[in-house]
N, C-alpha and C. Protein backbone atom coordinates (compact mmCIF):
# COMPACT_ATOMS: atom_id res chain seq x y z
N UNK A 1 -16.59 21.32 -13.54
CA UNK A 1 -16.42 21.41 -12.50
C UNK A 1 -15.05 20.32 -12.69
N UNK A 2 -13.97 20.87 -12.19
CA UNK A 2 -12.89 20.24 -12.63
C UNK A 2 -12.22 19.24 -11.12
N UNK A 3 -11.81 18.29 -11.22
CA UNK A 3 -10.58 17.89 -10.47
C UNK A 3 -9.63 17.65 -10.55
N UNK A 4 -8.21 17.99 -9.40
CA UNK A 4 -7.12 17.53 -9.91
C UNK A 4 -6.90 16.61 -8.39
N UNK A 5 -5.79 15.84 -9.08
CA UNK A 5 -5.44 14.76 -8.16
C UNK A 5 -3.56 14.73 -8.32
N UNK A 6 -2.85 14.66 -6.99
CA UNK A 6 -1.40 14.53 -7.33
C UNK A 6 -1.14 13.73 -6.88
N UNK A 7 -0.23 13.04 -6.95
CA UNK A 7 0.76 12.05 -6.66
C UNK A 7 2.56 11.86 -6.89
N UNK A 8 3.09 11.07 -6.51
CA UNK A 8 4.49 10.79 -6.45
C UNK A 8 5.68 11.91 -5.49
N UNK A 9 4.73 12.42 -4.47
CA UNK A 9 5.44 13.20 -3.28
C UNK A 9 5.99 11.83 -2.28
N UNK A 10 6.69 12.79 -1.43
CA UNK A 10 7.42 11.70 -0.42
C UNK A 10 8.66 12.52 0.24
N UNK A 11 9.62 11.86 1.14
CA UNK A 11 10.81 11.75 2.01
C UNK A 11 11.80 11.46 0.30
N UNK A 12 13.19 11.93 0.10
CA UNK A 12 13.83 12.16 -0.86
C UNK A 12 15.47 12.93 0.31
N UNK A 13 16.15 12.21 -0.09
CA UNK A 13 17.53 12.53 0.32
C UNK A 13 17.61 13.73 -0.59
N UNK A 14 18.56 14.88 -0.07
CA UNK A 14 19.23 15.99 -0.51
C UNK A 14 19.94 15.30 -1.85
N UNK A 15 19.92 15.94 -2.89
CA UNK A 15 20.65 15.15 -4.66
C UNK A 15 19.69 14.18 -5.18
N UNK A 16 18.62 14.09 -4.71
CA UNK A 16 17.26 12.76 -5.18
C UNK A 16 16.71 13.44 -6.14
N UNK A 17 15.93 12.32 -6.58
CA UNK A 17 14.98 13.09 -7.93
C UNK A 17 13.51 12.04 -6.79
N UNK A 18 12.58 13.18 -7.65
CA UNK A 18 11.01 12.55 -7.47
C UNK A 18 10.65 13.27 -8.94
N UNK A 19 9.33 12.61 -9.18
CA UNK A 19 8.44 12.52 -10.22
C UNK A 19 7.08 13.31 -9.87
N UNK A 20 6.51 14.36 -9.83
CA UNK A 20 5.17 14.55 -9.51
C UNK A 20 4.40 14.22 -10.55
N UNK A 21 2.74 13.98 -10.47
CA UNK A 21 2.26 13.71 -11.66
C UNK A 21 0.46 14.44 -10.94
N UNK A 22 -0.01 15.06 -11.76
CA UNK A 22 -1.16 15.40 -11.74
C UNK A 22 -2.29 15.29 -12.78
N UNK A 23 -3.28 14.53 -12.20
CA UNK A 23 -4.19 14.02 -13.49
C UNK A 23 -5.56 14.91 -12.80
N UNK A 24 -6.39 15.42 -13.96
CA UNK A 24 -7.52 16.21 -14.13
C UNK A 24 -8.60 15.41 -14.77
N UNK A 25 -9.80 15.81 -13.77
CA UNK A 25 -11.06 15.24 -14.32
C UNK A 25 -11.75 16.29 -14.48
N UNK A 26 -13.00 15.84 -15.02
CA UNK A 26 -14.15 16.81 -15.49
C UNK A 26 -13.96 17.76 -16.33
N UNK A 27 -14.01 18.80 -16.15
CA UNK A 27 -13.88 19.50 -17.58
C UNK A 27 -12.61 20.14 -18.14
N UNK A 28 -11.86 19.36 -18.38
CA UNK A 28 -10.61 19.51 -18.47
C UNK A 28 -10.45 20.12 -19.95
N UNK A 29 -9.44 21.73 -20.40
CA UNK A 29 -9.33 21.43 -21.57
C UNK A 29 -8.23 21.44 -21.73
N UNK A 30 -7.49 21.32 -22.86
CA UNK A 30 -6.01 21.59 -23.36
C UNK A 30 -5.85 22.74 -23.88
N UNK A 31 -7.03 23.86 -23.97
CA UNK A 31 -6.32 25.25 -23.97
C UNK A 31 -5.76 26.13 -23.27
N UNK A 32 -6.16 25.55 -22.08
CA UNK A 32 -5.39 26.04 -20.58
C UNK A 32 -4.08 25.35 -20.50
N UNK A 33 -3.29 26.58 -19.28
CA UNK A 33 -2.08 26.46 -18.68
C UNK A 33 -2.67 25.64 -17.71
N UNK A 34 -1.78 24.40 -17.04
CA UNK A 34 -0.98 23.98 -16.45
C UNK A 34 -0.30 23.91 -15.47
N UNK A 35 -0.30 23.95 -14.23
CA UNK A 35 1.33 24.44 -13.18
C UNK A 35 1.30 23.88 -12.43
N UNK A 36 2.26 24.15 -11.74
CA UNK A 36 2.51 23.97 -10.02
C UNK A 36 3.55 24.87 -9.38
N UNK A 37 2.40 24.82 -7.86
CA UNK A 37 3.05 25.97 -6.85
C UNK A 37 3.28 25.20 -5.76
N UNK A 38 4.23 25.60 -4.86
CA UNK A 38 4.44 25.35 -3.81
C UNK A 38 4.62 26.10 -2.16
N UNK A 39 4.09 25.88 -1.33
CA UNK A 39 4.28 26.11 0.17
C UNK A 39 4.77 25.90 0.88
N UNK A 40 5.94 26.30 1.29
CA UNK A 40 7.38 25.59 2.30
C UNK A 40 6.98 26.20 3.59
N UNK A 41 6.91 25.40 4.46
CA UNK A 41 6.57 25.73 6.17
C UNK A 41 6.56 26.89 6.38
N UNK A 42 5.59 27.66 6.84
CA UNK A 42 5.47 28.85 7.68
C UNK A 42 5.63 30.03 6.24
N UNK A 43 5.61 29.92 4.98
CA UNK A 43 6.05 30.47 3.67
C UNK A 43 4.37 31.03 3.11
N UNK A 44 4.70 31.94 1.97
CA UNK A 44 3.36 31.45 1.45
C UNK A 44 3.47 30.54 0.14
N UNK A 45 2.50 30.70 -0.74
CA UNK A 45 2.10 29.49 -1.83
C UNK A 45 3.24 30.30 -2.78
N UNK A 46 3.93 29.64 -3.75
CA UNK A 46 4.63 30.63 -4.74
C UNK A 46 4.94 29.57 -5.80
N UNK A 47 5.22 30.31 -6.91
CA UNK A 47 5.15 29.23 -8.63
C UNK A 47 6.18 28.50 -8.35
N UNK A 48 6.23 27.15 -9.08
CA UNK A 48 7.46 26.21 -9.08
C UNK A 48 7.57 26.52 -10.77
N UNK A 49 6.61 25.86 -11.44
CA UNK A 49 6.52 26.02 -13.02
C UNK A 49 5.33 25.97 -13.54
N UNK A 50 4.96 26.51 -15.05
CA UNK A 50 3.79 26.67 -15.15
C UNK A 50 3.96 25.74 -16.91
N UNK A 51 3.14 25.41 -17.19
CA UNK A 51 3.15 25.23 -19.04
C UNK A 51 1.92 25.78 -19.48
N UNK A 52 1.54 25.96 -20.71
CA UNK A 52 0.63 26.49 -21.73
C UNK A 52 0.77 25.28 -22.78
N UNK A 53 -0.94 25.31 -23.15
CA UNK A 53 -1.62 24.48 -23.87
C UNK A 53 -0.30 24.10 -24.98
N UNK A 54 0.45 25.31 -25.43
CA UNK A 54 1.25 24.71 -26.86
C UNK A 54 2.92 24.36 -25.87
N UNK A 55 2.80 24.35 -24.99
CA UNK A 55 4.20 23.94 -24.51
C UNK A 55 4.99 24.79 -24.23
N UNK A 56 4.69 25.99 -23.99
CA UNK A 56 5.49 27.20 -23.50
C UNK A 56 5.92 26.88 -21.79
N UNK A 57 6.84 27.17 -21.29
CA UNK A 57 7.20 27.01 -19.75
C UNK A 57 7.82 28.10 -19.47
N UNK A 58 7.51 28.13 -17.76
CA UNK A 58 7.80 29.06 -16.85
C UNK A 58 8.03 28.54 -16.04
N UNK A 59 9.59 29.05 -15.04
CA UNK A 59 9.96 28.34 -13.88
C UNK A 59 10.36 28.99 -13.02
N UNK A 60 10.51 28.97 -11.62
CA UNK A 60 10.84 29.99 -10.44
C UNK A 60 12.32 29.95 -11.00
N UNK A 61 12.96 30.71 -10.52
CA UNK A 61 14.43 31.24 -10.49
C UNK A 61 15.23 29.79 -9.76
N UNK A 62 14.75 29.83 -8.95
CA UNK A 62 15.21 28.85 -7.95
C UNK A 62 15.08 27.11 -8.34
N UNK A 63 14.37 26.79 -9.32
CA UNK A 63 14.28 25.73 -10.04
C UNK A 63 14.70 25.71 -11.40
N UNK A 64 15.07 26.63 -11.88
CA UNK A 64 15.59 26.21 -13.51
C UNK A 64 16.93 25.41 -13.32
N UNK A 65 16.76 24.42 -14.30
CA UNK A 65 17.78 23.92 -14.50
C UNK A 65 18.01 22.25 -13.94
N UNK A 66 16.93 22.22 -13.05
CA UNK A 66 16.67 21.43 -11.68
C UNK A 66 15.26 20.67 -12.21
N UNK A 67 14.20 21.44 -12.12
CA UNK A 67 12.76 20.66 -12.65
C UNK A 67 12.53 21.17 -14.01
N UNK A 68 11.42 20.20 -14.36
CA UNK A 68 11.13 20.20 -15.47
C UNK A 68 9.57 20.16 -15.74
N UNK A 69 9.02 20.47 -15.95
CA UNK A 69 7.29 20.45 -16.46
C UNK A 69 7.33 19.98 -17.67
N UNK A 70 6.07 18.77 -17.83
CA UNK A 70 5.73 18.84 -19.13
C UNK A 70 4.14 18.29 -18.62
N UNK A 71 3.29 17.93 -19.98
CA UNK A 71 2.01 17.73 -20.26
C UNK A 71 1.60 16.61 -20.91
N UNK A 72 0.34 15.92 -20.66
CA UNK A 72 0.15 14.91 -21.85
C UNK A 72 -1.25 15.07 -21.87
N UNK A 73 -1.54 16.09 -22.68
CA UNK A 73 -3.32 16.93 -22.93
C UNK A 73 -4.43 15.10 -23.21
N UNK A 74 -3.49 14.51 -23.96
CA UNK A 74 -4.61 13.33 -23.98
C UNK A 74 -4.64 12.55 -22.78
N UNK A 75 -4.34 12.56 -21.79
CA UNK A 75 -4.58 11.99 -20.28
C UNK A 75 -4.65 13.31 -19.55
N UNK A 76 -4.55 14.47 -19.51
CA UNK A 76 -4.94 15.39 -18.91
C UNK A 76 -4.17 15.45 -17.93
N UNK A 77 -2.69 15.41 -17.88
CA UNK A 77 -2.04 14.94 -16.95
C UNK A 77 -0.62 16.07 -17.18
N UNK A 78 -0.14 16.52 -15.74
CA UNK A 78 1.46 17.48 -15.92
C UNK A 78 2.08 16.59 -14.86
N UNK A 79 3.11 16.93 -15.28
CA UNK A 79 4.03 16.40 -14.76
C UNK A 79 5.21 17.62 -13.97
N UNK A 80 5.86 16.87 -13.22
CA UNK A 80 6.98 17.90 -12.80
C UNK A 80 8.18 16.84 -12.60
N UNK A 81 9.14 17.02 -13.18
CA UNK A 81 10.46 16.16 -12.73
C UNK A 81 11.46 17.11 -11.80
N UNK A 82 11.69 16.53 -10.98
CA UNK A 82 12.35 17.27 -9.91
C UNK A 82 13.82 16.40 -9.35
N UNK A 83 14.92 17.05 -10.02
CA UNK A 83 16.12 16.65 -9.77
C UNK A 83 17.10 17.31 -9.20
N UNK A 84 18.09 16.82 -8.24
CA UNK A 84 19.36 17.48 -7.47
C UNK A 84 18.61 18.08 -6.19
N UNK A 85 17.20 17.47 -5.93
CA UNK A 85 16.46 18.48 -5.13
C UNK A 85 17.45 18.86 -3.67
N UNK A 86 16.81 20.49 -2.73
CA UNK A 86 17.93 20.32 -2.22
C UNK A 86 16.73 20.38 -0.69
N UNK A 87 17.42 20.99 0.26
CA UNK A 87 16.67 20.75 1.34
C UNK A 87 15.22 21.54 1.54
N UNK A 88 15.98 23.30 0.83
CA UNK A 88 14.71 24.39 0.46
C UNK A 88 13.43 23.91 -0.46
N UNK A 89 13.43 22.51 -1.14
CA UNK A 89 12.73 22.15 -1.89
C UNK A 89 11.09 21.97 -1.03
N UNK A 90 11.84 21.78 0.11
CA UNK A 90 10.55 21.35 0.83
C UNK A 90 9.91 21.53 0.89
N UNK A 91 8.21 21.33 0.48
CA UNK A 91 6.95 22.38 0.84
C UNK A 91 5.73 21.03 0.22
N UNK A 92 4.65 21.76 0.29
CA UNK A 92 3.87 21.35 -0.15
C UNK A 92 3.53 21.41 -1.54
N UNK A 93 3.09 20.75 -2.28
CA UNK A 93 3.19 21.01 -3.94
C UNK A 93 1.87 20.82 -4.45
N UNK A 94 1.57 21.95 -5.00
CA UNK A 94 -0.23 21.94 -5.74
C UNK A 94 -0.05 21.82 -7.07
N UNK A 95 -1.31 21.51 -7.33
CA UNK A 95 -0.90 21.15 -9.09
C UNK A 95 -2.38 22.27 -9.34
N UNK A 96 -2.38 22.97 -10.54
CA UNK A 96 -3.60 23.93 -10.84
C UNK A 96 -3.80 24.01 -12.41
N UNK A 97 -4.96 23.73 -12.67
CA UNK A 97 -5.35 24.69 -13.83
C UNK A 97 -6.18 25.91 -14.11
N UNK A 98 -5.31 26.04 -14.91
CA UNK A 98 -6.12 27.66 -15.63
C UNK A 98 -5.68 28.64 -14.29
N UNK A 99 -4.76 28.30 -13.40
CA UNK A 99 -4.70 29.58 -12.11
C UNK A 99 -6.00 29.46 -11.50
N UNK A 100 -7.31 28.43 -11.90
CA UNK A 100 -8.69 28.71 -11.14
C UNK A 100 -8.45 27.43 -9.89
N UNK A 101 -8.62 26.01 -10.46
CA UNK A 101 -8.50 24.94 -9.98
C UNK A 101 -7.63 24.47 -8.99
N UNK A 102 -7.16 24.15 -8.03
CA UNK A 102 -6.37 23.25 -7.49
C UNK A 102 -6.33 22.04 -7.05
N UNK A 103 -5.39 21.18 -6.69
CA UNK A 103 -5.20 19.93 -6.34
C UNK A 103 -5.16 20.27 -4.80
N UNK A 104 -5.19 18.75 -3.98
CA UNK A 104 -5.19 19.17 -2.44
C UNK A 104 -3.78 19.22 -2.06
N UNK A 105 -2.86 19.06 -2.73
CA UNK A 105 -1.69 19.08 -2.45
C UNK A 105 -0.58 17.78 -1.92
N UNK A 106 0.41 17.81 -2.19
CA UNK A 106 1.64 16.64 -1.50
C UNK A 106 2.37 17.38 -1.11
N UNK A 107 2.80 16.46 -0.51
CA UNK A 107 4.06 16.83 0.44
C UNK A 107 5.10 16.28 -0.03
N UNK A 108 6.34 16.98 -0.23
CA UNK A 108 7.94 16.50 -0.49
C UNK A 108 8.35 17.50 0.45
N UNK A 109 9.58 16.39 0.74
CA UNK A 109 10.62 16.31 2.15
C UNK A 109 11.78 15.93 1.79
N UNK A 110 12.72 17.11 1.25
CA UNK A 110 14.09 16.42 1.20
C UNK A 110 15.14 16.85 2.43
N UNK A 111 15.34 15.86 2.70
CA UNK A 111 16.13 15.65 4.17
C UNK A 111 16.96 14.15 4.40
N UNK A 112 18.25 14.43 4.93
CA UNK A 112 18.82 13.33 4.96
C UNK A 112 18.64 12.55 6.51
């Protein structure tokens, strides 16, 4: 069994930054991908960023150049550095492991 716990969300003004963290526990293997998805109000959940065990990354077009995903396999942790945040980034952000296990979600609100 795998548990994922996100932290670092909150309210930020447009142009600001936040860093999300997700710590995994249980049967975490560094050989599987980890990543972040988000669900804006009234919309479906969609990809933000993924990172493979080897460090290869994949981003949604809307966040390229603003967000950066990274992972620390020794700590079973994946990070999402979010810069130049926009109101349209407002969503519940979910951490995922191997696209099978999901965190409970954390709110990010970008508003002045």
